[in-house]
């Protein structure tokens, strides 16, 4: 069974409202309140006005800030490792 029952709208509301208050590194289940990777990607793309495929590109010697922000947020908020990202 999913940890939170209800519609997607309700689940998103619960995650948005309680994630920042309940995140704790010693409670693994608190990661369930973290935003999805897809939501992080969408918000970064919207904020930087780039397409999602630009987040997947890495060119040596070129700084890709939207990509770096996405990786940072996934690691910081979700606790994902680089292999998962």
C-alpha atoms as a PDB file:
ATOM      1  CA  UNK A   1       0.000   0.000   0.000  1.00  0.00           C
ATOM      2  CA  UNK A   2       1.203   3.524  -0.697  1.00  0.00           C
ATOM      3  CA  UNK A   3       2.250   5.544   2.356  1.00  0.00           C
ATOM      4  CA  UNK A   4      -0.256   8.313   1.575  1.00  0.00           C
ATOM      5  CA  UNK A   5      -3.760   7.517   0.361  1.00  0.00           C
ATOM      6  CA  UNK A   6      -5.740   9.882  -1.835  1.00  0.00           C
ATOM      7  CA  UNK A   7      -5.732  11.586  -5.192  1.00  0.00           C
ATOM      8  CA  UNK A   8      -2.540  12.889  -6.779  1.00  0.00           C
ATOM      9  CA  UNK A   9      -3.599  16.434  -5.895  1.00  0.00           C
ATOM     10  CA  UNK A  10      -3.995  15.487  -2.239  1.00  0.00           C
ATOM     11  CA  UNK A  11      -0.676  13.620  -2.141  1.00  0.00           C
ATOM     12  CA  UNK A  12       1.111  16.627  -3.692  1.00  0.00           C
ATOM     13  CA  UNK A  13      -0.532  18.927  -1.148  1.00  0.00           C
ATOM     14  CA  UNK A  14       0.638  16.740   1.751  1.00  0.00           C
ATOM     15  CA  UNK A  15       4.177  16.585   0.360  1.00  0.00           C
ATOM     16  CA  UNK A  16       4.346  20.349  -0.183  1.00  0.00           C
ATOM     17  CA  UNK A  17       2.924  21.185   3.222  1.00  0.00           C
ATOM     18  CA  UNK A  18       4.813  18.769   5.446  1.00  0.00           C
ATOM     19  CA  UNK A  19       8.095  17.921   3.712  1.00  0.00           C
ATOM     20  CA  UNK A  20      10.156  20.823   5.039  1.00  0.00           C
ATOM     21  CA  UNK A  21       8.886  20.295   8.601  1.00  0.00           C
ATOM     22  CA  UNK A  22       9.288  16.529   8.788  1.00  0.00           C
ATOM     23  CA  UNK A  23      12.498  15.774   6.861  1.00  0.00           C
ATOM     24  CA  UNK A  24      15.006  14.057   9.090  1.00  0.00           C
ATOM     25  CA  UNK A  25      18.052  12.041   8.089  1.00  0.00           C
ATOM     26  CA  UNK A  26      17.462   9.415  10.791  1.00  0.00           C
ATOM     27  CA  UNK A  27      13.912   8.696   9.598  1.00  0.00           C
ATOM     28  CA  UNK A  28      14.144   7.037   6.167  1.00  0.00           C
ATOM     29  CA  UNK A  29      10.372   7.229   5.623  1.00  0.00           C
ATOM     30  CA  UNK A  30      10.545  11.022   5.672  1.00  0.00           C
ATOM     31  CA  UNK A  31      12.064  10.811   2.179  1.00  0.00           C
ATOM     32  CA  UNK A  32       8.643   9.712   0.938  1.00  0.00           C
ATOM     33  CA  UNK A  33       7.477  13.304   1.372  1.00  0.00           C
ATOM     34  CA  UNK A  34      10.243  14.602  -0.905  1.00  0.00           C
ATOM     35  CA  UNK A  35       9.243  15.908  -4.357  1.00  0.00           C
ATOM     36  CA  UNK A  36       9.603  13.484  -7.256  1.00  0.00           C
ATOM     37  CA  UNK A  37      12.599  13.771  -9.562  1.00  0.00           C
ATOM     38  CA  UNK A  38      10.244  14.601 -12.421  1.00  0.00           C
ATOM     39  CA  UNK A  39       8.725  17.476 -10.467  1.00  0.00           C
ATOM     40  CA  UNK A  40      12.193  18.831  -9.686  1.00  0.00           C
ATOM     41  CA  UNK A  41      13.113  18.639 -13.389  1.00  0.00           C
ATOM     42  CA  UNK A  42       9.907  20.375 -14.449  1.00  0.00           C
ATOM     43  CA  UNK A  43      10.328  23.221 -11.970  1.00  0.00           C
ATOM     44  CA  UNK A  44      13.977  23.793 -12.888  1.00  0.00           C
ATOM     45  CA  UNK A  45      13.112  23.792 -16.610  1.00  0.00           C
ATOM     46  CA  UNK A  46      10.297  26.247 -15.973  1.00  0.00           C
ATOM     47  CA  UNK A  47      12.502  28.524 -13.851  1.00  0.00           C
ATOM     48  CA  UNK A  48      15.409  28.568 -16.314  1.00  0.00           C
ATOM     49  CA  UNK A  49      13.227  28.517 -19.457  1.00  0.00           C
ATOM     50  CA  UNK A  50      14.992  25.464 -20.906  1.00  0.00           C
ATOM     51  CA  UNK A  51      13.801  22.150 -22.269  1.00  0.00           C
ATOM     52  CA  UNK A  52      14.271  18.937 -20.319  1.00  0.00           C
ATOM     53  CA  UNK A  53      16.745  17.512 -22.840  1.00  0.00           C
ATOM     54  CA  UNK A  54      19.146  20.373 -21.935  1.00  0.00           C
ATOM     55  CA  UNK A  55      19.392  18.881 -18.450  1.00  0.00           C
ATOM     56  CA  UNK A  56      20.728  15.654 -19.913  1.00  0.00           C
ATOM     57  CA  UNK A  57      23.539  17.293 -21.875  1.00  0.00           C
ATOM     58  CA  UNK A  58      26.978  17.755 -20.417  1.00  0.00           C
ATOM     59  CA  UNK A  59      29.659  19.462 -22.471  1.00  0.00           C
ATOM     60  CA  UNK A  60      33.193  19.724 -21.218  1.00  0.00           C
ATOM     61  CA  UNK A  61      34.247  23.286 -20.439  1.00  0.00           C
ATOM     62  CA  UNK A  62      30.664  24.598 -20.515  1.00  0.00           C
ATOM     63  CA  UNK A  63      28.784  25.467 -17.340  1.00  0.00           C
ATOM     64  CA  UNK A  64      25.217  24.115 -17.355  1.00  0.00           C
ATOM     65  CA  UNK A  65      23.567  25.774 -14.359  1.00  0.00           C
ATOM     66  CA  UNK A  66      20.078  24.232 -14.785  1.00  0.00           C
ATOM     67  CA  UNK A  67      21.647  20.750 -14.842  1.00  0.00           C
ATOM     68  CA  UNK A  68      23.732  21.489 -11.759  1.00  0.00           C
ATOM     69  CA  UNK A  69      20.726  22.890  -9.875  1.00  0.00           C
ATOM     70  CA  UNK A  70      18.670  19.802 -10.731  1.00  0.00           C
ATOM     71  CA  UNK A  71      21.409  17.488  -9.475  1.00  0.00           C
ATOM     72  CA  UNK A  72      21.866  19.576  -6.332  1.00  0.00           C
ATOM     73  CA  UNK A  73      18.146  19.552  -5.508  1.00  0.00           C
ATOM     74  CA  UNK A  74      17.808  15.819  -6.145  1.00  0.00           C
ATOM     75  CA  UNK A  75      20.742  15.115  -3.854  1.00  0.00           C
ATOM     76  CA  UNK A  76      19.789  17.623  -1.160  1.00  0.00           C
ATOM     77  CA  UNK A  77      16.012  17.161  -1.034  1.00  0.00           C
ATOM     78  CA  UNK A  78      15.683  13.516  -1.977  1.00  0.00           C
ATOM     79  CA  UNK A  79      19.010  12.160  -0.777  1.00  0.00           C
ATOM     80  CA  UNK A  80      19.586  10.489  -4.156  1.00  0.00           C
ATOM     81  CA  UNK A  81      23.053   9.355  -5.130  1.00  0.00           C
ATOM     82  CA  UNK A  82      24.634  10.178  -8.472  1.00  0.00           C
ATOM     83  CA  UNK A  83      23.906   6.662  -9.746  1.00  0.00           C
ATOM     84  CA  UNK A  84      20.193   7.174  -9.124  1.00  0.00           C
ATOM     85  CA  UNK A  85      20.144  10.615 -10.700  1.00  0.00           C
END
